[in-house]
Amino acid sequence: MISDQGMVDKTLKSQSGRNFVIKYVPVSNGCIILISEDSDQIGAISVSISSSNKSNTAKVIPSKYDSIFLNTISEMVSRMKNGICITSLYSIKQLTLDDMKTIMDQIRDLIGT
């Protein structure tokens, strides 16, 4: 669903049967991405900024399970948007490879729109 302000709200189910909610909020110099399992919650937070073909990332709230995946999303999106990306990930347990692929594909689709 796309609202008037450009926010996109997607619910998806991975092959492992887990449900995720992805909220994407674009702004003029970047975006905010919230990913949560089963309900709207804030989890681990990474902030990335892109400058001259590389990105710098800061962990604001470290992840218990999937810090590399969270950083990868944040850095990838900041480079795609050539700006700042604030990313939050809340998961009940560690993500499987299928969960990660499902989430990453959905985010790529959102950024492409």
PDB file of N, CA and C in Angstrom:
ATOM      1  N   MET A   1       0.847  -1.174   0.000  1.00  0.00           N
ATOM      2  CA  MET A   1       0.000   0.000   0.000  1.00  0.00           C
ATOM      3  C   MET A   1       0.894   1.238   0.000  1.00  0.00           C
ATOM      4  N   ILE A   2       0.586   2.221  -0.842  1.00  0.00           N
ATOM      5  CA  ILE A   2       1.338   3.471  -0.919  1.00  0.00           C
ATOM      6  C   ILE A   2       0.449   4.599  -0.424  1.00  0.00           C
ATOM      7  N   SER A   3       0.954   5.359   0.540  1.00  0.00           N
ATOM      8  CA  SER A   3       0.170   6.475   1.066  1.00  0.00           C
ATOM      9  C   SER A   3       0.519   7.755   0.317  1.00  0.00           C
ATOM     10  N   ASP A   4      -0.154   8.858   0.678  1.00  0.00           N
ATOM     11  CA  ASP A   4       0.069  10.138   0.007  1.00  0.00           C
ATOM     12  C   ASP A   4       1.493  10.654   0.185  1.00  0.00           C
ATOM     13  N   GLN A   5       2.142  10.343   1.296  1.00  0.00           N
ATOM     14  CA  GLN A   5       3.478  10.846   1.568  1.00  0.00           C
ATOM     15  C   GLN A   5       4.561   9.997   0.915  1.00  0.00           C
ATOM     16  N   GLY A   6       4.192   8.927   0.209  1.00  0.00           N
ATOM     17  CA  GLY A   6       5.174   8.085  -0.438  1.00  0.00           C
ATOM     18  C   GLY A   6       5.573   6.879   0.382  1.00  0.00           C
ATOM     19  N   MET A   7       5.050   6.741   1.595  1.00  0.00           N
ATOM     20  CA  MET A   7       5.391   5.586   2.413  1.00  0.00           C
ATOM     21  C   MET A   7       4.789   4.320   1.808  1.00  0.00           C
ATOM     22  N   VAL A   8       5.578   3.260   1.780  1.00  0.00           N
ATOM     23  CA  VAL A   8       5.119   1.972   1.275  1.00  0.00           C
ATOM     24  C   VAL A   8       5.104   0.992   2.433  1.00  0.00           C
ATOM     25  N   ASP A   9       4.020   0.259   2.559  1.00  0.00           N
ATOM     26  CA  ASP A   9       3.831  -0.702   3.638  1.00  0.00           C
ATOM     27  C   ASP A   9       3.545  -2.060   2.997  1.00  0.00           C
ATOM     28  N   LYS A  10       4.459  -3.028   3.157  1.00  0.00           N
ATOM     29  CA  LYS A  10       4.311  -4.350   2.542  1.00  0.00           C
ATOM     30  C   LYS A  10       4.354  -5.433   3.613  1.00  0.00           C
ATOM     31  N   THR A  11       3.522  -6.430   3.446  1.00  0.00           N
ATOM     32  CA  THR A  11       3.572  -7.623   4.286  1.00  0.00           C
ATOM     33  C   THR A  11       3.936  -8.785   3.386  1.00  0.00           C
ATOM     34  N   LEU A  12       4.885  -9.597   3.829  1.00  0.00           N
ATOM     35  CA  LEU A  12       5.286 -10.723   3.009  1.00  0.00           C
ATOM     36  C   LEU A  12       5.515 -11.956   3.870  1.00  0.00           C
ATOM     37  N   LYS A  13       5.421 -13.103   3.229  1.00  0.00           N
ATOM     38  CA  LYS A  13       5.634 -14.373   3.907  1.00  0.00           C
ATOM     39  C   LYS A  13       6.808 -15.071   3.223  1.00  0.00           C
ATOM     40  N   SER A  14       7.778 -15.492   4.007  1.00  0.00           N
ATOM     41  CA  SER A  14       8.942 -16.178   3.449  1.00  0.00           C
ATOM     42  C   SER A  14       8.628 -17.650   3.252  1.00  0.00           C
ATOM     43  N   GLN A  15       9.522 -18.346   2.573  1.00  0.00           N
ATOM     44  CA  GLN A  15       9.330 -19.769   2.326  1.00  0.00           C
ATOM     45  C   GLN A  15       9.333 -20.581   3.616  1.00  0.00           C
ATOM     46  N   SER A  16       9.963 -20.049   4.648  1.00  0.00           N
ATOM     47  CA  SER A  16       9.994 -20.746   5.940  1.00  0.00           C
ATOM     48  C   SER A  16       8.709 -20.531   6.746  1.00  0.00           C
ATOM     49  N   GLY A  17       7.786 -19.703   6.199  1.00  0.00           N
ATOM     50  CA  GLY A  17       6.503 -19.483   6.852  1.00  0.00           C
ATOM     51  C   GLY A  17       6.463 -18.291   7.786  1.00  0.00           C
ATOM     52  N   ARG A  18       7.537 -17.539   7.879  1.00  0.00           N
ATOM     53  CA  ARG A  18       7.566 -16.370   8.756  1.00  0.00           C
ATOM     54  C   ARG A  18       6.975 -15.161   8.031  1.00  0.00           C
ATOM     55  N   ASN A  19       6.257 -14.327   8.768  1.00  0.00           N
ATOM     56  CA  ASN A  19       5.637 -13.120   8.221  1.00  0.00           C
ATOM     57  C   ASN A  19       6.471 -11.899   8.585  1.00  0.00           C
ATOM     58  N   PHE A  20       6.702 -11.037   7.598  1.00  0.00           N
ATOM     59  CA  PHE A  20       7.465  -9.815   7.822  1.00  0.00           C
ATOM     60  C   PHE A  20       6.693  -8.609   7.304  1.00  0.00           C
ATOM     61  N   VAL A  21       6.838  -7.504   8.010  1.00  0.00           N
ATOM     62  CA  VAL A  21       6.260  -6.231   7.601  1.00  0.00           C
ATOM     63  C   VAL A  21       7.429  -5.326   7.234  1.00  0.00           C
ATOM     64  N   ILE A  22       7.371  -4.750   6.039  1.00  0.00           N
ATOM     65  CA  ILE A  22       8.405  -3.822   5.593  1.00  0.00           C
ATOM     66  C   ILE A  22       7.759  -2.472   5.341  1.00  0.00           C
ATOM     67  N   LYS A  23       8.280  -1.456   5.998  1.00  0.00           N
ATOM     68  CA  LYS A  23       7.821  -0.086   5.781  1.00  0.00           C
ATOM     69  C   LYS A  23       8.988   0.684   5.164  1.00  0.00           C
ATOM     70  N   TYR A  24       8.696   1.336   4.058  1.00  0.00           N
ATOM     71  CA  TYR A  24       9.708   2.090   3.320  1.00  0.00           C
ATOM     72  C   TYR A  24       9.241   3.530   3.205  1.00  0.00           C
ATOM     73  N   VAL A  25      10.054   4.444   3.722  1.00  0.00           N
ATOM     74  CA  VAL A  25       9.716   5.866   3.693  1.00  0.00           C
ATOM     75  C   VAL A  25      10.820   6.613   2.941  1.00  0.00           C
ATOM     76  N   PRO A  26      10.542   7.010   1.692  1.00  0.00           N
ATOM     77  CA  PRO A  26      11.550   7.766   0.941  1.00  0.00           C
ATOM     78  C   PRO A  26      11.525   9.245   1.331  1.00  0.00           C
ATOM     79  N   VAL A  27      12.697   9.843   1.369  1.00  0.00           N
ATOM     80  CA  VAL A  27      12.827  11.289   1.584  1.00  0.00           C
ATOM     81  C   VAL A  27      13.800  11.813   0.532  1.00  0.00           C
ATOM     82  N   SER A  28      13.944  13.114   0.432  1.00  0.00           N
ATOM     83  CA  SER A  28      14.729  13.685  -0.664  1.00  0.00           C
ATOM     84  C   SER A  28      16.204  13.280  -0.636  1.00  0.00           C
ATOM     85  N   ASN A  29      16.773  13.023   0.532  1.00  0.00           N
ATOM     86  CA  ASN A  29      18.193  12.676   0.592  1.00  0.00           C
ATOM     87  C   ASN A  29      18.441  11.250   1.099  1.00  0.00           C
ATOM     88  N   GLY A  30      17.457  10.364   0.967  1.00  0.00           N
ATOM     89  CA  GLY A  30      17.641   8.983   1.398  1.00  0.00           C
ATOM     90  C   GLY A  30      16.322   8.310   1.702  1.00  0.00           C
ATOM     91  N   CYS A  31      16.337   7.428   2.708  1.00  0.00           N
ATOM     92  CA  CYS A  31      15.109   6.716   3.065  1.00  0.00           C
ATOM     93  C   CYS A  31      15.219   6.086   4.455  1.00  0.00           C
ATOM     94  N   ILE A  32      14.075   5.638   4.939  1.00  0.00           N
ATOM     95  CA  ILE A  32      13.982   4.897   6.190  1.00  0.00           C
ATOM     96  C   ILE A  32      13.310   3.569   5.859  1.00  0.00           C
ATOM     97  N   ILE A  33      13.897   2.476   6.328  1.00  0.00           N
ATOM     98  CA  ILE A  33      13.327   1.151   6.114  1.00  0.00           C
ATOM     99  C   ILE A  33      13.147   0.470   7.463  1.00  0.00           C
ATOM    100  N   LEU A  34      11.925   0.046   7.746  1.00  0.00           N
ATOM    101  CA  LEU A  34      11.618  -0.679   8.977  1.00  0.00           C
ATOM    102  C   LEU A  34      11.188  -2.090   8.598  1.00  0.00           C
ATOM    103  N   ILE A  35      11.883  -3.077   9.115  1.00  0.00           N
ATOM    104  CA  ILE A  35      11.567  -4.477   8.848  1.00  0.00           C
ATOM    105  C   ILE A  35      11.273  -5.130  10.194  1.00  0.00           C
ATOM    106  N   SER A  36      10.099  -5.742  10.305  1.00  0.00           N
ATOM    107  CA  SER A  36       9.770  -6.398  11.574  1.00  0.00           C
ATOM    108  C   SER A  36       9.010  -7.685  11.323  1.00  0.00           C
ATOM    109  N   GLU A  37       9.189  -8.608  12.221  1.00  0.00           N
ATOM    110  CA  GLU A  37       8.533  -9.908  12.109  1.00  0.00           C
ATOM    111  C   GLU A  37       7.223  -9.866  12.881  1.00  0.00           C
ATOM    112  N   ASP A  38       6.129 -10.196  12.196  1.00  0.00           N
ATOM    113  CA  ASP A  38       4.784 -10.359  12.756  1.00  0.00           C
ATOM    114  C   ASP A  38       4.078  -9.083  13.197  1.00  0.00           C
ATOM    115  N   SER A  39       4.794  -8.061  13.647  1.00  0.00           N
ATOM    116  CA  SER A  39       4.114  -6.850  14.117  1.00  0.00           C
ATOM    117  C   SER A  39       5.030  -5.647  13.942  1.00  0.00           C
ATOM    118  N   ASP A  40       4.470  -4.464  14.111  1.00  0.00           N
ATOM    119  CA  ASP A  40       5.258  -3.239  13.986  1.00  0.00           C
ATOM    120  C   ASP A  40       6.091  -3.039  15.249  1.00  0.00           C
ATOM    121  N   GLN A  41       7.398  -3.256  15.126  1.00  0.00           N
ATOM    122  CA  GLN A  41       8.312  -3.035  16.243  1.00  0.00           C
ATOM    123  C   GLN A  41       9.625  -2.495  15.704  1.00  0.00           C
ATOM    124  N   ILE A  42      10.300  -1.732  16.519  1.00  0.00           N
ATOM    125  CA  ILE A  42      11.638  -1.253  16.174  1.00  0.00           C
ATOM    126  C   ILE A  42      12.633  -2.223  16.772  1.00  0.00           C
ATOM    127  N   GLY A  43      13.644  -2.557  15.983  1.00  0.00           N
ATOM    128  CA  GLY A  43      14.676  -3.478  16.464  1.00  0.00           C
ATOM    129  C   GLY A  43      16.043  -2.841  16.341  1.00  0.00           C
ATOM    130  N   ALA A  44      16.994  -3.645  15.924  1.00  0.00           N
ATOM    131  CA  ALA A  44      18.355  -3.149  15.718  1.00  0.00           C
ATOM    132  C   ALA A  44      18.334  -2.064  14.639  1.00  0.00           C
ATOM    133  N   ILE A  45      19.197  -1.065  14.783  1.00  0.00           N
ATOM    134  CA  ILE A  45      19.205   0.059  13.836  1.00  0.00           C
ATOM    135  C   ILE A  45      20.615   0.301  13.310  1.00  0.00           C
ATOM    136  N   SER A  46      20.716   0.405  11.989  1.00  0.00           N
ATOM    137  CA  SER A  46      21.954   0.805  11.326  1.00  0.00           C
ATOM    138  C   SER A  46      21.667   2.022  10.456  1.00  0.00           C
ATOM    139  N   VAL A  47      22.640   2.912  10.396  1.00  0.00           N
ATOM    140  CA  VAL A  47      22.527   4.105   9.560  1.00  0.00           C
ATOM    141  C   VAL A  47      23.727   4.123   8.616  1.00  0.00           C
ATOM    142  N   SER A  48      23.448   4.248   7.322  1.00  0.00           N
ATOM    143  CA  SER A  48      24.522   4.296   6.321  1.00  0.00           C
ATOM    144  C   SER A  48      24.382   5.561   5.488  1.00  0.00           C
ATOM    145  N   ILE A  49      25.533   6.087   5.080  1.00  0.00           N
ATOM    146  CA  ILE A  49      25.551   7.229   4.183  1.00  0.00           C
ATOM    147  C   ILE A  49      26.511   6.911   3.042  1.00  0.00           C
ATOM    148  N   SER A  50      26.076   7.248   1.845  1.00  0.00           N
ATOM    149  CA  SER A  50      26.880   6.984   0.654  1.00  0.00           C
ATOM    150  C   SER A  50      27.573   8.264   0.221  1.00  0.00           C
ATOM    151  N   SER A  51      28.858   8.112  -0.094  1.00  0.00           N
ATOM    152  CA  SER A  51      29.598   9.241  -0.646  1.00  0.00           C
ATOM    153  C   SER A  51      30.684   8.700  -1.562  1.00  0.00           C
ATOM    154  N   SER A  52      30.704   9.196  -2.774  1.00  0.00           N
ATOM    155  CA  SER A  52      31.688   8.824  -3.797  1.00  0.00           C
ATOM    156  C   SER A  52      31.920   7.311  -3.901  1.00  0.00           C
ATOM    157  N   ASN A  53      30.844   6.597  -4.201  1.00  0.00           N
ATOM    158  CA  ASN A  53      30.889   5.163  -4.494  1.00  0.00           C
ATOM    159  C   ASN A  53      31.251   4.258  -3.312  1.00  0.00           C
ATOM    160  N   LYS A  54      31.196   4.744  -2.097  1.00  0.00           N
ATOM    161  CA  LYS A  54      31.371   3.888  -0.932  1.00  0.00           C
ATOM    162  C   LYS A  54      30.411   4.357   0.145  1.00  0.00           C
ATOM    163  N   SER A  55      30.201   3.519   1.143  1.00  0.00           N
ATOM    164  CA  SER A  55      29.277   3.908   2.199  1.00  0.00           C
ATOM    165  C   SER A  55      29.914   3.693   3.562  1.00  0.00           C
ATOM    166  N   ASN A  56      29.506   4.517   4.488  1.00  0.00           N
ATOM    167  CA  ASN A  56      29.929   4.395   5.879  1.00  0.00           C
ATOM    168  C   ASN A  56      28.705   4.039   6.699  1.00  0.00           C
ATOM    169  N   THR A  57      28.866   3.102   7.626  1.00  0.00           N
ATOM    170  CA  THR A  57      27.744   2.607   8.407  1.00  0.00           C
ATOM    171  C   THR A  57      28.028   2.714   9.894  1.00  0.00           C
ATOM    172  N   ALA A  58      26.998   3.119  10.637  1.00  0.00           N
ATOM    173  CA  ALA A  58      27.071   3.159  12.099  1.00  0.00           C
ATOM    174  C   ALA A  58      25.972   2.278  12.665  1.00  0.00           C
ATOM    175  N   LYS A  59      26.324   1.462  13.633  1.00  0.00           N
ATOM    176  CA  LYS A  59      25.333   0.656  14.341  1.00  0.00           C
ATOM    177  C   LYS A  59      24.820   1.496  15.500  1.00  0.00           C
ATOM    178  N   VAL A  60      23.561   1.873  15.430  1.00  0.00           N
ATOM    179  CA  VAL A  60      22.968   2.677  16.493  1.00  0.00           C
ATOM    180  C   VAL A  60      22.503   1.759  17.622  1.00  0.00           C
ATOM    181  N   ILE A  61      21.794   0.700  17.246  1.00  0.00           N
ATOM    182  CA  ILE A  61      21.392  -0.348  18.191  1.00  0.00           C
ATOM    183  C   ILE A  61      21.853  -1.669  17.575  1.00  0.00           C
ATOM    184  N   PRO A  62      22.786  -2.381  18.207  1.00  0.00           N
ATOM    185  CA  PRO A  62      23.301  -3.621  17.608  1.00  0.00           C
ATOM    186  C   PRO A  62      22.235  -4.706  17.539  1.00  0.00           C
ATOM    187  N   SER A  63      22.392  -5.585  16.564  1.00  0.00           N
ATOM    188  CA  SER A  63      21.464  -6.694  16.364  1.00  0.00           C
ATOM    189  C   SER A  63      21.920  -7.904  17.164  1.00  0.00           C
ATOM    190  N   LYS A  64      20.956  -8.602  17.736  1.00  0.00           N
ATOM    191  CA  LYS A  64      21.254  -9.813  18.476  1.00  0.00           C
ATOM    192  C   LYS A  64      21.611 -10.956  17.523  1.00  0.00           C
ATOM    193  N   TYR A  65      20.964 -10.987  16.339  1.00  0.00           N
ATOM    194  CA  TYR A  65      21.117 -12.126  15.446  1.00  0.00           C
ATOM    195  C   TYR A  65      21.756 -11.805  14.094  1.00  0.00           C
ATOM    196  N   ASP A  66      21.294 -10.776  13.420  1.00  0.00           N
ATOM    197  CA  ASP A  66      21.602 -10.606  11.996  1.00  0.00           C
ATOM    198  C   ASP A  66      22.262  -9.270  11.677  1.00  0.00           C
ATOM    199  N   SER A  67      23.360  -8.953  12.344  1.00  0.00           N
ATOM    200  CA  SER A  67      23.976  -7.635  12.155  1.00  0.00           C
ATOM    201  C   SER A  67      24.576  -7.475  10.761  1.00  0.00           C
ATOM    202  N   ILE A  68      25.147  -8.518  10.196  1.00  0.00           N
ATOM    203  CA  ILE A  68      25.742  -8.407   8.854  1.00  0.00           C
ATOM    204  C   ILE A  68      24.651  -8.159   7.816  1.00  0.00           C
ATOM    205  N   PHE A  69      23.523  -8.865   7.938  1.00  0.00           N
ATOM    206  CA  PHE A  69      22.411  -8.675   7.010  1.00  0.00           C
ATOM    207  C   PHE A  69      21.858  -7.255   7.115  1.00  0.00           C
ATOM    208  N   LEU A  70      21.691  -6.760   8.320  1.00  0.00           N
ATOM    209  CA  LEU A  70      21.182  -5.404   8.531  1.00  0.00           C
ATOM    210  C   LEU A  70      22.124  -4.371   7.921  1.00  0.00           C
ATOM    211  N   ASN A  71      23.415  -4.517   8.152  1.00  0.00           N
ATOM    212  CA  ASN A  71      24.390  -3.587   7.570  1.00  0.00           C
ATOM    213  C   ASN A  71      24.399  -3.666   6.048  1.00  0.00           C
ATOM    214  N   THR A  72      24.269  -4.876   5.510  1.00  0.00           N
ATOM    215  CA  THR A  72      24.251  -5.057   4.059  1.00  0.00           C
ATOM    216  C   THR A  72      23.077  -4.315   3.429  1.00  0.00           C
ATOM    217  N   ILE A  73      21.900  -4.447   4.019  1.00  0.00           N
ATOM    218  CA  ILE A  73      20.721  -3.732   3.507  1.00  0.00           C
ATOM    219  C   ILE A  73      20.960  -2.235   3.558  1.00  0.00           C
ATOM    220  N   SER A  74      21.397  -1.746   4.701  1.00  0.00           N
ATOM    221  CA  SER A  74      21.593  -0.309   4.887  1.00  0.00           C
ATOM    222  C   SER A  74      22.604   0.249   3.890  1.00  0.00           C
ATOM    223  N   GLU A  75      23.715  -0.439   3.721  1.00  0.00           N
ATOM    224  CA  GLU A  75      24.750   0.032   2.791  1.00  0.00           C
ATOM    225  C   GLU A  75      24.284  -0.042   1.342  1.00  0.00           C
ATOM    226  N   MET A  76      23.637  -1.143   0.975  1.00  0.00           N
ATOM    227  CA  MET A  76      23.161  -1.305  -0.397  1.00  0.00           C
ATOM    228  C   MET A  76      22.174  -0.193  -0.772  1.00  0.00           C
ATOM    229  N   VAL A  77      21.222   0.068   0.117  1.00  0.00           N
ATOM    230  CA  VAL A  77      20.201   1.066  -0.177  1.00  0.00           C
ATOM    231  C   VAL A  77      20.798   2.466  -0.197  1.00  0.00           C
ATOM    232  N   SER A  78      21.728   2.766   0.701  1.00  0.00           N
ATOM    233  CA  SER A  78      22.341   4.108   0.690  1.00  0.00           C
ATOM    234  C   SER A  78      23.093   4.347  -0.621  1.00  0.00           C
ATOM    235  N   ARG A  79      23.737   3.290  -1.145  1.00  0.00           N
ATOM    236  CA  ARG A  79      24.424   3.438  -2.442  1.00  0.00           C
ATOM    237  C   ARG A  79      23.416   3.573  -3.583  1.00  0.00           C
ATOM    238  N   MET A  80      22.328   2.807  -3.532  1.00  0.00           N
ATOM    239  CA  MET A  80      21.310   2.898  -4.586  1.00  0.00           C
ATOM    240  C   MET A  80      20.643   4.270  -4.593  1.00  0.00           C
ATOM    241  N   LYS A  81      20.395   4.834  -3.405  1.00  0.00           N
ATOM    242  CA  LYS A  81      19.732   6.136  -3.283  1.00  0.00           C
ATOM    243  C   LYS A  81      20.733   7.290  -3.312  1.00  0.00           C
ATOM    244  N   ASN A  82      22.031   6.978  -3.211  1.00  0.00           N
ATOM    245  CA  ASN A  82      23.080   7.986  -3.130  1.00  0.00           C
ATOM    246  C   ASN A  82      22.772   8.988  -2.014  1.00  0.00           C
ATOM    247  N   GLY A  83      22.490   8.443  -0.830  1.00  0.00           N
ATOM    248  CA  GLY A  83      22.137   9.286   0.304  1.00  0.00           C
ATOM    249  C   GLY A  83      22.221   8.509   1.605  1.00  0.00           C
ATOM    250  N   ILE A  84      21.336   8.849   2.517  1.00  0.00           N
ATOM    251  CA  ILE A  84      21.312   8.256   3.855  1.00  0.00           C
ATOM    252  C   ILE A  84      20.240   7.184   3.915  1.00  0.00           C
ATOM    253  N   CYS A  85      20.550   6.073   4.571  1.00  0.00           N
ATOM    254  CA  CYS A  85      19.553   5.027   4.789  1.00  0.00           C
ATOM    255  C   CYS A  85      19.558   4.646   6.269  1.00  0.00           C
ATOM    256  N   ILE A  86      18.417   4.795   6.896  1.00  0.00           N
ATOM    257  CA  ILE A  86      18.225   4.357   8.279  1.00  0.00           C
ATOM    258  C   ILE A  86      17.414   3.068   8.206  1.00  0.00           C
ATOM    259  N   THR A  87      17.969   1.989   8.748  1.00  0.00           N
ATOM    260  CA  THR A  87      17.328   0.681   8.646  1.00  0.00           C
ATOM    261  C   THR A  87      17.157   0.073  10.024  1.00  0.00           C
ATOM    262  N   SER A  88      15.945  -0.433  10.286  1.00  0.00           N
ATOM    263  CA  SER A  88      15.661  -1.132  11.532  1.00  0.00           C
ATOM    264  C   SER A  88      15.211  -2.544  11.206  1.00  0.00           C
ATOM    265  N   LEU A  89      15.699  -3.518  11.972  1.00  0.00           N
ATOM    266  CA  LEU A  89      15.317  -4.918  11.790  1.00  0.00           C
ATOM    267  C   LEU A  89      14.954  -5.526  13.133  1.00  0.00           C
ATOM    268  N   TYR A  90      13.703  -5.997  13.242  1.00  0.00           N
ATOM    269  CA  TYR A  90      13.262  -6.723  14.424  1.00  0.00           C
ATOM    270  C   TYR A  90      12.881  -8.133  13.990  1.00  0.00           C
ATOM    271  N   SER A  91      13.544  -9.131  14.556  1.00  0.00           N
ATOM    272  CA  SER A  91      13.182 -10.523  14.271  1.00  0.00           C
ATOM    273  C   SER A  91      13.141 -11.294  15.588  1.00  0.00           C
ATOM    274  N   ILE A  92      12.244 -12.252  15.636  1.00  0.00           N
ATOM    275  CA  ILE A  92      12.061 -13.045  16.850  1.00  0.00           C
ATOM    276  C   ILE A  92      13.231 -13.997  17.059  1.00  0.00           C
ATOM    277  N   LYS A  93      13.726 -14.561  15.961  1.00  0.00           N
ATOM    278  CA  LYS A  93      14.895 -15.447  16.009  1.00  0.00           C
ATOM    279  C   LYS A  93      15.735 -15.185  14.775  1.00  0.00           C
ATOM    280  N   GLN A  94      16.873 -15.849  14.681  1.00  0.00           N
ATOM    281  CA  GLN A  94      17.782 -15.620  13.564  1.00  0.00           C
ATOM    282  C   GLN A  94      17.093 -15.928  12.237  1.00  0.00           C
ATOM    283  N   LEU A  95      17.376 -15.094  11.236  1.00  0.00           N
ATOM    284  CA  LEU A  95      16.802 -15.269   9.909  1.00  0.00           C
ATOM    285  C   LEU A  95      17.479 -16.424   9.180  1.00  0.00           C
ATOM    286  N   THR A  96      16.688 -17.142   8.380  1.00  0.00           N
ATOM    287  CA  THR A  96      17.256 -18.169   7.520  1.00  0.00           C
ATOM    288  C   THR A  96      17.691 -17.506   6.210  1.00  0.00           C
ATOM    289  N   LEU A  97      18.420 -18.244   5.394  1.00  0.00           N
ATOM    290  CA  LEU A  97      18.846 -17.717   4.102  1.00  0.00           C
ATOM    291  C   LEU A  97      17.635 -17.368   3.232  1.00  0.00           C
ATOM    292  N   ASP A  98      16.596 -18.211   3.263  1.00  0.00           N
ATOM    293  CA  ASP A  98      15.374 -17.924   2.498  1.00  0.00           C
ATOM    294  C   ASP A  98      14.689 -16.651   2.982  1.00  0.00           C
ATOM    295  N   ASP A  99      14.667 -16.432   4.315  1.00  0.00           N
ATOM    296  CA  ASP A  99      14.095 -15.196   4.862  1.00  0.00           C
ATOM    297  C   ASP A  99      14.848 -13.988   4.324  1.00  0.00           C
ATOM    298  N   MET A 100      16.179 -14.074   4.357  1.00  0.00           N
ATOM    299  CA  MET A 100      17.011 -12.962   3.889  1.00  0.00           C
ATOM    300  C   MET A 100      16.788 -12.678   2.409  1.00  0.00           C
ATOM    301  N   LYS A 101      16.713 -13.736   1.597  1.00  0.00           N
ATOM    302  CA  LYS A 101      16.482 -13.554   0.160  1.00  0.00           C
ATOM    303  C   LYS A 101      15.131 -12.891  -0.094  1.00  0.00           C
ATOM    304  N   THR A 102      14.108 -13.338   0.609  1.00  0.00           N
ATOM    305  CA  THR A 102      12.766 -12.771   0.441  1.00  0.00           C
ATOM    306  C   THR A 102      12.753 -11.290   0.796  1.00  0.00           C
ATOM    307  N   ILE A 103      13.353 -10.950   1.925  1.00  0.00           N
ATOM    308  CA  ILE A 103      13.393  -9.549   2.373  1.00  0.00           C
ATOM    309  C   ILE A 103      14.213  -8.703   1.403  1.00  0.00           C
ATOM    310  N   MET A 104      15.385  -9.206   1.009  1.00  0.00           N
ATOM    311  CA  MET A 104      16.262  -8.440   0.113  1.00  0.00           C
ATOM    312  C   MET A 104      15.594  -8.195  -1.239  1.00  0.00           C
ATOM    313  N   ASP A 105      14.936  -9.210  -1.779  1.00  0.00           N
ATOM    314  CA  ASP A 105      14.242  -9.042  -3.063  1.00  0.00           C
ATOM    315  C   ASP A 105      13.144  -7.993  -2.961  1.00  0.00           C
ATOM    316  N   GLN A 106      12.391  -8.019  -1.875  1.00  0.00           N
ATOM    317  CA  GLN A 106      11.306  -7.051  -1.695  1.00  0.00           C
ATOM    318  C   GLN A 106      11.862  -5.633  -1.567  1.00  0.00           C
ATOM    319  N   ILE A 107      12.963  -5.473  -0.857  1.00  0.00           N
ATOM    320  CA  ILE A 107      13.563  -4.143  -0.703  1.00  0.00           C
ATOM    321  C   ILE A 107      14.083  -3.631  -2.044  1.00  0.00           C
ATOM    322  N   ARG A 108      14.712  -4.501  -2.812  1.00  0.00           N
ATOM    323  CA  ARG A 108      15.179  -4.091  -4.155  1.00  0.00           C
ATOM    324  C   ARG A 108      14.001  -3.633  -5.019  1.00  0.00           C
ATOM    325  N   ASP A 109      12.884  -4.349  -4.926  1.00  0.00           N
ATOM    326  CA  ASP A 109      11.689  -3.948  -5.685  1.00  0.00           C
ATOM    327  C   ASP A 109      11.177  -2.590  -5.219  1.00  0.00           C
ATOM    328  N   LEU A 110      11.184  -2.353  -3.906  1.00  0.00           N
ATOM    329  CA  LEU A 110      10.700  -1.070  -3.373  1.00  0.00           C
ATOM    330  C   LEU A 110      11.588   0.084  -3.798  1.00  0.00           C
ATOM    331  N   ILE A 111      12.895  -0.114  -3.777  1.00  0.00           N
ATOM    332  CA  ILE A 111      13.822   0.950  -4.144  1.00  0.00           C
ATOM    333  C   ILE A 111      13.709   1.250  -5.643  1.00  0.00           C
ATOM    334  N   GLY A 112      13.445   0.225  -6.434  1.00  0.00           N
ATOM    335  CA  GLY A 112      13.321   0.396  -7.877  1.00  0.00           C
ATOM    336  C   GLY A 112      12.088   1.172  -8.295  1.00  0.00           C
ATOM    337  N   THR A 113      11.084   1.279  -7.411  1.00  0.00           N
ATOM    338  CA  THR A 113       9.846   1.985  -7.765  1.00  0.00           C
ATOM    339  C   THR A 113       9.935   3.456  -7.478  1.00  0.00           C
TER     340      THR A 113
END
